[in-house]
C-alpha cells in the first residue's frame, strides 16, 4: 500500500504553496526539491467544466466513441488505431467511479461525486506521487469514506493538505507547517496529539523546576 502523508497548519501557513513548489508551479527562493517526474494533483478548486462528461475527465472519450462505432459495424483502420489495446477502458475506469455512467456530465453530479470522479482520474493516471489539496471540503460522509478507502488501498503514495479529523485518523504520518518550519510526526492525528501533549507536559515540568 502507498503511504499517506498529511500536511497540517494554520490558515496562511503555506500548505498549498508547499504543494505548488513540489509541482514546479513555484520555484524555491533557496535550496532545492527532489520530486518524481510523474505527479498527480487535485487542487482545492477542481476547475471542472459542468458540460464535461466523466469520460472527458478521464480522457477516454475518443476511445469510447471509436469502440461504439466499431461495435455498430464500422471497421475502419483509424478507429482500430484509436482503440489499440484499450477495449476494456470503460471497465477499467468503472472501479474509480462506482455505478456512475461515464457519459454523465459533471453538472449532473453532486459535489462529492465530482470530487470522487476527479480523484479517480488522478489515480487512473498511475502517477508516482499524488498531491491532494483539501480533498474532503465538498464531500458528504459516504464520499469521504470512499476517498479514504481509495487512499488506503492505493499503491501510490499521497501527500494531502487537510484539517479533516476523519481523514487524519487514517494516515501514516503528519507534518505540521508552522512559521516556515515543517515538523514530522509518525502515525495518525491521535499520535500527533499525544506527542504534542507530551511536549507540553515536559515544558510545564521544566517551568516548575526552574521556578
C-alpha atoms as a PDB file:
ATOM      1  CA  UNK A   1       0.000   0.000   0.000  1.00  0.00           C
ATOM      2  CA  UNK A   2       1.088   3.558  -0.676  1.00  0.00           C
ATOM      3  CA  UNK A   3       1.694   5.621   2.425  1.00  0.00           C
ATOM      4  CA  UNK A   4      -0.475   8.658   3.157  1.00  0.00           C
ATOM      5  CA  UNK A   5       1.235  11.791   4.498  1.00  0.00           C
ATOM      6  CA  UNK A   6      -0.815  14.781   5.656  1.00  0.00           C
ATOM      7  CA  UNK A   7       0.342  18.391   5.975  1.00  0.00           C
ATOM      8  CA  UNK A   8      -1.474  20.414   8.623  1.00  0.00           C
ATOM      9  CA  UNK A   9      -1.071  24.035   9.712  1.00  0.00           C
ATOM     10  CA  UNK A  10      -2.827  27.305  10.350  1.00  0.00           C
ATOM     11  CA  UNK A  11      -4.542  29.146   7.503  1.00  0.00           C
ATOM     12  CA  UNK A  12      -1.914  31.072   5.539  1.00  0.00           C
ATOM     13  CA  UNK A  13       0.995  28.984   6.844  1.00  0.00           C
ATOM     14  CA  UNK A  14       1.955  27.967   3.291  1.00  0.00           C
ATOM     15  CA  UNK A  15       0.487  24.473   2.882  1.00  0.00           C
ATOM     16  CA  UNK A  16      -0.833  24.999  -0.654  1.00  0.00           C
ATOM     17  CA  UNK A  17       2.336  26.894  -1.551  1.00  0.00           C
ATOM     18  CA  UNK A  18       4.385  23.881  -0.489  1.00  0.00           C
ATOM     19  CA  UNK A  19       2.366  21.664  -2.843  1.00  0.00           C
ATOM     20  CA  UNK A  20       2.915  24.134  -5.693  1.00  0.00           C
ATOM     21  CA  UNK A  21       6.645  24.035  -5.018  1.00  0.00           C
ATOM     22  CA  UNK A  22       6.517  20.250  -5.393  1.00  0.00           C
ATOM     23  CA  UNK A  23       4.560  20.655  -8.641  1.00  0.00           C
ATOM     24  CA  UNK A  24       7.091  23.126 -10.010  1.00  0.00           C
ATOM     25  CA  UNK A  25       4.479  25.911 -10.216  1.00  0.00           C
ATOM     26  CA  UNK A  26       6.709  27.949  -7.906  1.00  0.00           C
ATOM     27  CA  UNK A  27      10.487  27.880  -7.628  1.00  0.00           C
ATOM     28  CA  UNK A  28      12.157  27.843  -4.183  1.00  0.00           C
ATOM     29  CA  UNK A  29      13.982  31.041  -3.227  1.00  0.00           C
ATOM     30  CA  UNK A  30      16.722  28.875  -1.735  1.00  0.00           C
ATOM     31  CA  UNK A  31      17.556  25.190  -1.500  1.00  0.00           C
ATOM     32  CA  UNK A  32      16.210  22.553  -3.861  1.00  0.00           C
ATOM     33  CA  UNK A  33      13.438  19.980  -4.182  1.00  0.00           C
ATOM     34  CA  UNK A  34      13.607  16.424  -5.444  1.00  0.00           C
ATOM     35  CA  UNK A  35      10.253  15.061  -6.614  1.00  0.00           C
ATOM     36  CA  UNK A  36       9.144  12.346  -9.070  1.00  0.00           C
ATOM     37  CA  UNK A  37       8.586  13.335 -12.699  1.00  0.00           C
ATOM     38  CA  UNK A  38       5.032  11.982 -12.799  1.00  0.00           C
ATOM     39  CA  UNK A  39       2.861  13.677 -10.165  1.00  0.00           C
ATOM     40  CA  UNK A  40      -0.938  13.574  -9.969  1.00  0.00           C
ATOM     41  CA  UNK A  41      -2.566  16.687  -8.497  1.00  0.00           C
ATOM     42  CA  UNK A  42      -6.043  17.549  -7.237  1.00  0.00           C
ATOM     43  CA  UNK A  43      -6.417  21.259  -6.375  1.00  0.00           C
ATOM     44  CA  UNK A  44      -8.987  22.758  -3.991  1.00  0.00           C
ATOM     45  CA  UNK A  45     -10.818  24.345  -6.924  1.00  0.00           C
ATOM     46  CA  UNK A  46     -11.263  21.432  -9.304  1.00  0.00           C
ATOM     47  CA  UNK A  47     -11.969  23.737 -12.245  1.00  0.00           C
ATOM     48  CA  UNK A  48     -14.150  21.078 -13.899  1.00  0.00           C
ATOM     49  CA  UNK A  49     -16.429  22.222 -16.722  1.00  0.00           C
ATOM     50  CA  UNK A  50     -20.037  21.374 -15.921  1.00  0.00           C
ATOM     51  CA  UNK A  51     -20.555  20.348 -19.569  1.00  0.00           C
ATOM     52  CA  UNK A  52     -17.670  17.841 -19.492  1.00  0.00           C
ATOM     53  CA  UNK A  53     -18.537  14.170 -19.181  1.00  0.00           C
ATOM     54  CA  UNK A  54     -16.900  11.712 -16.816  1.00  0.00           C
ATOM     55  CA  UNK A  55     -15.255  10.177 -19.891  1.00  0.00           C
ATOM     56  CA  UNK A  56     -13.808  13.618 -20.727  1.00  0.00           C
ATOM     57  CA  UNK A  57     -12.298  13.920 -17.231  1.00  0.00           C
ATOM     58  CA  UNK A  58     -10.645  10.515 -17.643  1.00  0.00           C
ATOM     59  CA  UNK A  59      -9.503  11.413 -21.171  1.00  0.00           C
ATOM     60  CA  UNK A  60     -11.178   8.397 -22.792  1.00  0.00           C
ATOM     61  CA  UNK A  61     -13.992   9.987 -24.816  1.00  0.00           C
ATOM     62  CA  UNK A  62     -12.314   9.437 -28.188  1.00  0.00           C
ATOM     63  CA  UNK A  63     -11.561   5.798 -27.362  1.00  0.00           C
ATOM     64  CA  UNK A  64     -15.130   5.101 -26.191  1.00  0.00           C
ATOM     65  CA  UNK A  65     -16.570   6.758 -29.315  1.00  0.00           C
ATOM     66  CA  UNK A  66     -14.340   4.593 -31.523  1.00  0.00           C
ATOM     67  CA  UNK A  67     -15.382   1.426 -29.675  1.00  0.00           C
ATOM     68  CA  UNK A  68     -19.068   2.311 -30.089  1.00  0.00           C
ATOM     69  CA  UNK A  69     -18.598   2.855 -33.832  1.00  0.00           C
ATOM     70  CA  UNK A  70     -16.775  -0.460 -34.277  1.00  0.00           C
ATOM     71  CA  UNK A  71     -19.434  -2.280 -32.275  1.00  0.00           C
ATOM     72  CA  UNK A  72     -22.047  -0.667 -34.546  1.00  0.00           C
ATOM     73  CA  UNK A  73     -20.337  -2.189 -37.591  1.00  0.00           C
ATOM     74  CA  UNK A  74     -17.750   0.394 -38.646  1.00  0.00           C
ATOM     75  CA  UNK A  75     -14.448  -1.457 -39.136  1.00  0.00           C
ATOM     76  CA  UNK A  76     -12.115   1.343 -40.191  1.00  0.00           C
ATOM     77  CA  UNK A  77      -8.367   1.211 -39.586  1.00  0.00           C
ATOM     78  CA  UNK A  78      -8.287   4.648 -37.965  1.00  0.00           C
ATOM     79  CA  UNK A  79     -10.875   3.548 -35.410  1.00  0.00           C
ATOM     80  CA  UNK A  80      -8.882   0.430 -34.520  1.00  0.00           C
ATOM     81  CA  UNK A  81      -5.749   2.581 -34.209  1.00  0.00           C
ATOM     82  CA  UNK A  82      -7.525   4.876 -31.710  1.00  0.00           C
ATOM     83  CA  UNK A  83      -8.660   1.907 -29.621  1.00  0.00           C
ATOM     84  CA  UNK A  84      -5.375  -0.006 -29.671  1.00  0.00           C
ATOM     85  CA  UNK A  85      -5.425  -2.366 -26.683  1.00  0.00           C
ATOM     86  CA  UNK A  86      -7.978  -0.312 -24.744  1.00  0.00           C
ATOM     87  CA  UNK A  87     -11.110  -2.322 -25.498  1.00  0.00           C
ATOM     88  CA  UNK A  88     -11.760  -2.659 -21.754  1.00  0.00           C
ATOM     89  CA  UNK A  89     -11.247   1.046 -20.973  1.00  0.00           C
ATOM     90  CA  UNK A  90     -14.796   1.520 -19.644  1.00  0.00           C
ATOM     91  CA  UNK A  91     -14.431  -1.432 -17.275  1.00  0.00           C
ATOM     92  CA  UNK A  92     -11.049  -0.129 -16.098  1.00  0.00           C
ATOM     93  CA  UNK A  93     -12.355   3.276 -15.069  1.00  0.00           C
ATOM     94  CA  UNK A  94     -15.552   1.842 -13.562  1.00  0.00           C
ATOM     95  CA  UNK A  95     -13.621   0.842 -10.433  1.00  0.00           C
ATOM     96  CA  UNK A  96     -12.875   4.537  -9.866  1.00  0.00           C
ATOM     97  CA  UNK A  97     -16.408   5.863 -10.433  1.00  0.00           C
ATOM     98  CA  UNK A  98     -18.608   3.107  -8.987  1.00  0.00           C
ATOM     99  CA  UNK A  99     -22.055   2.937 -10.572  1.00  0.00           C
ATOM    100  CA  UNK A 100     -21.842   6.308 -12.328  1.00  0.00           C
ATOM    101  CA  UNK A 101     -22.366   6.362 -16.109  1.00  0.00           C
ATOM    102  CA  UNK A 102     -19.243   7.522 -17.967  1.00  0.00           C
ATOM    103  CA  UNK A 103     -21.434   9.656 -20.251  1.00  0.00           C
ATOM    104  CA  UNK A 104     -22.893  11.742 -17.407  1.00  0.00           C
ATOM    105  CA  UNK A 105     -21.848  15.383 -17.324  1.00  0.00           C
ATOM    106  CA  UNK A 106     -20.161  16.945 -14.295  1.00  0.00           C
ATOM    107  CA  UNK A 107     -23.063  19.367 -13.926  1.00  0.00           C
ATOM    108  CA  UNK A 108     -25.407  16.489 -13.074  1.00  0.00           C
ATOM    109  CA  UNK A 109     -23.186  15.193 -10.253  1.00  0.00           C
ATOM    110  CA  UNK A 110     -23.214  16.146  -6.590  1.00  0.00           C
ATOM    111  CA  UNK A 111     -20.161  17.929  -5.198  1.00  0.00           C
ATOM    112  CA  UNK A 112     -18.992  14.692  -3.601  1.00  0.00           C
ATOM    113  CA  UNK A 113     -19.436  12.721  -6.829  1.00  0.00           C
ATOM    114  CA  UNK A 114     -17.489  15.350  -8.804  1.00  0.00           C
ATOM    115  CA  UNK A 115     -14.588  15.219  -6.335  1.00  0.00           C
ATOM    116  CA  UNK A 116     -14.615  11.400  -6.414  1.00  0.00           C
ATOM    117  CA  UNK A 117     -14.524  11.419 -10.222  1.00  0.00           C
ATOM    118  CA  UNK A 118     -11.680  13.947 -10.303  1.00  0.00           C
ATOM    119  CA  UNK A 119      -9.730  11.949  -7.735  1.00  0.00           C
ATOM    120  CA  UNK A 120     -10.343   8.721  -9.626  1.00  0.00           C
ATOM    121  CA  UNK A 121      -8.981  10.331 -12.790  1.00  0.00           C
ATOM    122  CA  UNK A 122      -5.822  11.307 -10.903  1.00  0.00           C
ATOM    123  CA  UNK A 123      -5.264   7.759  -9.622  1.00  0.00           C
ATOM    124  CA  UNK A 124      -6.101   6.254 -13.027  1.00  0.00           C
ATOM    125  CA  UNK A 125      -3.050   8.039 -14.487  1.00  0.00           C
ATOM    126  CA  UNK A 126      -0.891   5.803 -12.252  1.00  0.00           C
ATOM    127  CA  UNK A 127       1.416   8.648 -11.161  1.00  0.00           C
ATOM    128  CA  UNK A 128       4.438   8.118  -8.915  1.00  0.00           C
ATOM    129  CA  UNK A 129       3.001  10.506  -6.304  1.00  0.00           C
ATOM    130  CA  UNK A 130      -0.410  12.069  -5.668  1.00  0.00           C
ATOM    131  CA  UNK A 131      -0.847  15.565  -4.179  1.00  0.00           C
ATOM    132  CA  UNK A 132      -4.273  16.497  -2.805  1.00  0.00           C
ATOM    133  CA  UNK A 133      -5.239  19.957  -1.524  1.00  0.00           C
ATOM    134  CA  UNK A 134      -8.157  19.837   0.963  1.00  0.00           C
ATOM    135  CA  UNK A 135      -9.890  16.972  -0.907  1.00  0.00           C
ATOM    136  CA  UNK A 136     -12.725  16.493   1.619  1.00  0.00           C
ATOM    137  CA  UNK A 137     -14.036  20.084   1.533  1.00  0.00           C
ATOM    138  CA  UNK A 138     -17.158  19.279  -0.533  1.00  0.00           C
ATOM    139  CA  UNK A 139     -17.623  15.627   0.359  1.00  0.00           C
ATOM    140  CA  UNK A 140     -20.554  14.069   2.161  1.00  0.00           C
ATOM    141  CA  UNK A 141     -19.906  11.234   4.628  1.00  0.00           C
ATOM    142  CA  UNK A 142     -20.159   8.479   2.015  1.00  0.00           C
ATOM    143  CA  UNK A 143     -17.857  10.189  -0.475  1.00  0.00           C
ATOM    144  CA  UNK A 144     -15.373  10.932   2.304  1.00  0.00           C
ATOM    145  CA  UNK A 145     -15.243   7.245   3.242  1.00  0.00           C
ATOM    146  CA  UNK A 146     -14.707   6.395  -0.427  1.00  0.00           C
ATOM    147  CA  UNK A 147     -11.833   8.883  -0.621  1.00  0.00           C
ATOM    148  CA  UNK A 148     -10.174   7.402   2.470  1.00  0.00           C
ATOM    149  CA  UNK A 149     -10.644   3.899   1.058  1.00  0.00           C
ATOM    150  CA  UNK A 150      -9.047   4.921  -2.246  1.00  0.00           C
ATOM    151  CA  UNK A 151      -6.079   6.448  -0.437  1.00  0.00           C
ATOM    152  CA  UNK A 152      -5.609   3.424   1.834  1.00  0.00           C
ATOM    153  CA  UNK A 153      -5.950   0.812  -0.907  1.00  0.00           C
ATOM    154  CA  UNK A 154      -3.807   2.595  -3.492  1.00  0.00           C
ATOM    155  CA  UNK A 155      -0.201   1.549  -4.054  1.00  0.00           C
ATOM    156  CA  UNK A 156       0.599   5.177  -4.890  1.00  0.00           C
ATOM    157  CA  UNK A 157       1.939   7.349  -2.041  1.00  0.00           C
ATOM    158  CA  UNK A 158      -0.049  10.521  -1.373  1.00  0.00           C
ATOM    159  CA  UNK A 159       0.700  13.875   0.251  1.00  0.00           C
ATOM    160  CA  UNK A 160      -2.500  15.540   1.422  1.00  0.00           C
ATOM    161  CA  UNK A 161      -3.194  19.005   2.800  1.00  0.00           C
ATOM    162  CA  UNK A 162      -6.139  18.599   5.164  1.00  0.00           C
ATOM    163  CA  UNK A 163      -7.658  19.507   8.519  1.00  0.00           C
ATOM    164  CA  UNK A 164     -10.367  16.834   8.351  1.00  0.00           C
ATOM    165  CA  UNK A 165     -10.264  14.777  11.559  1.00  0.00           C
ATOM    166  CA  UNK A 166     -11.780  11.675   9.936  1.00  0.00           C
ATOM    167  CA  UNK A 167      -9.143  11.656   7.214  1.00  0.00           C
ATOM    168  CA  UNK A 168      -6.386  12.419   9.723  1.00  0.00           C
ATOM    169  CA  UNK A 169      -7.323   9.270  11.635  1.00  0.00           C
ATOM    170  CA  UNK A 170      -6.274   7.128   8.649  1.00  0.00           C
ATOM    171  CA  UNK A 171      -2.836   8.476   7.748  1.00  0.00           C
ATOM    172  CA  UNK A 172       0.708   7.183   8.239  1.00  0.00           C
ATOM    173  CA  UNK A 173       2.473  10.437   9.046  1.00  0.00           C
ATOM    174  CA  UNK A 174       1.595  14.046   9.837  1.00  0.00           C
ATOM    175  CA  UNK A 175       3.766  17.063   9.051  1.00  0.00           C
ATOM    176  CA  UNK A 176       2.952  20.329  10.805  1.00  0.00           C
ATOM    177  CA  UNK A 177       3.858  23.534   8.958  1.00  0.00           C
ATOM    178  CA  UNK A 178       4.418  26.414  11.390  1.00  0.00           C
ATOM    179  CA  UNK A 179       6.454  29.598  10.951  1.00  0.00           C
ATOM    180  CA  UNK A 180       8.089  28.224   7.826  1.00  0.00           C
ATOM    181  CA  UNK A 181       9.258  25.035   9.537  1.00  0.00           C
ATOM    182  CA  UNK A 182       7.975  21.523   8.883  1.00  0.00           C
ATOM    183  CA  UNK A 183       7.863  19.100  11.823  1.00  0.00           C
ATOM    184  CA  UNK A 184       7.087  15.451  11.178  1.00  0.00           C
ATOM    185  CA  UNK A 185       5.151  13.114  13.462  1.00  0.00           C
ATOM    186  CA  UNK A 186       4.794   9.381  12.793  1.00  0.00           C
ATOM    187  CA  UNK A 187       1.273   7.998  12.967  1.00  0.00           C
ATOM    188  CA  UNK A 188      -2.209   9.482  12.724  1.00  0.00           C
ATOM    189  CA  UNK A 189      -3.841  12.518  14.326  1.00  0.00           C
ATOM    190  CA  UNK A 190      -4.208  10.883  17.745  1.00  0.00           C
ATOM    191  CA  UNK A 191      -0.497  10.008  17.722  1.00  0.00           C
ATOM    192  CA  UNK A 192       0.234  13.639  16.792  1.00  0.00           C
ATOM    193  CA  UNK A 193      -1.935  14.957  19.632  1.00  0.00           C
ATOM    194  CA  UNK A 194      -0.269  12.565  22.110  1.00  0.00           C
ATOM    195  CA  UNK A 195       3.192  13.759  21.018  1.00  0.00           C
ATOM    196  CA  UNK A 196       2.175  17.418  21.408  1.00  0.00           C
ATOM    197  CA  UNK A 197       0.681  16.700  24.851  1.00  0.00           C
ATOM    198  CA  UNK A 198       3.922  15.046  25.982  1.00  0.00           C
ATOM    199  CA  UNK A 199       5.919  18.050  24.775  1.00  0.00           C
ATOM    200  CA  UNK A 200       3.640  20.411  26.684  1.00  0.00           C
ATOM    201  CA  UNK A 201       3.898  18.329  29.853  1.00  0.00           C
ATOM    202  CA  UNK A 202       7.695  18.307  29.565  1.00  0.00           C
ATOM    203  CA  UNK A 203       7.745  22.092  29.046  1.00  0.00           C
ATOM    204  CA  UNK A 204       5.477  22.651  32.058  1.00  0.00           C
ATOM    205  CA  UNK A 205       7.738  20.427  34.163  1.00  0.00           C
ATOM    206  CA  UNK A 206      10.791  22.456  33.124  1.00  0.00           C
ATOM    207  CA  UNK A 207       8.989  25.672  34.107  1.00  0.00           C
ATOM    208  CA  UNK A 208       8.079  24.231  37.506  1.00  0.00           C
ATOM    209  CA  UNK A 209      11.669  23.078  38.068  1.00  0.00           C
ATOM    210  CA  UNK A 210      13.005  26.487  37.009  1.00  0.00           C
ATOM    211  CA  UNK A 211      10.701  28.203  39.457  1.00  0.00           C
END
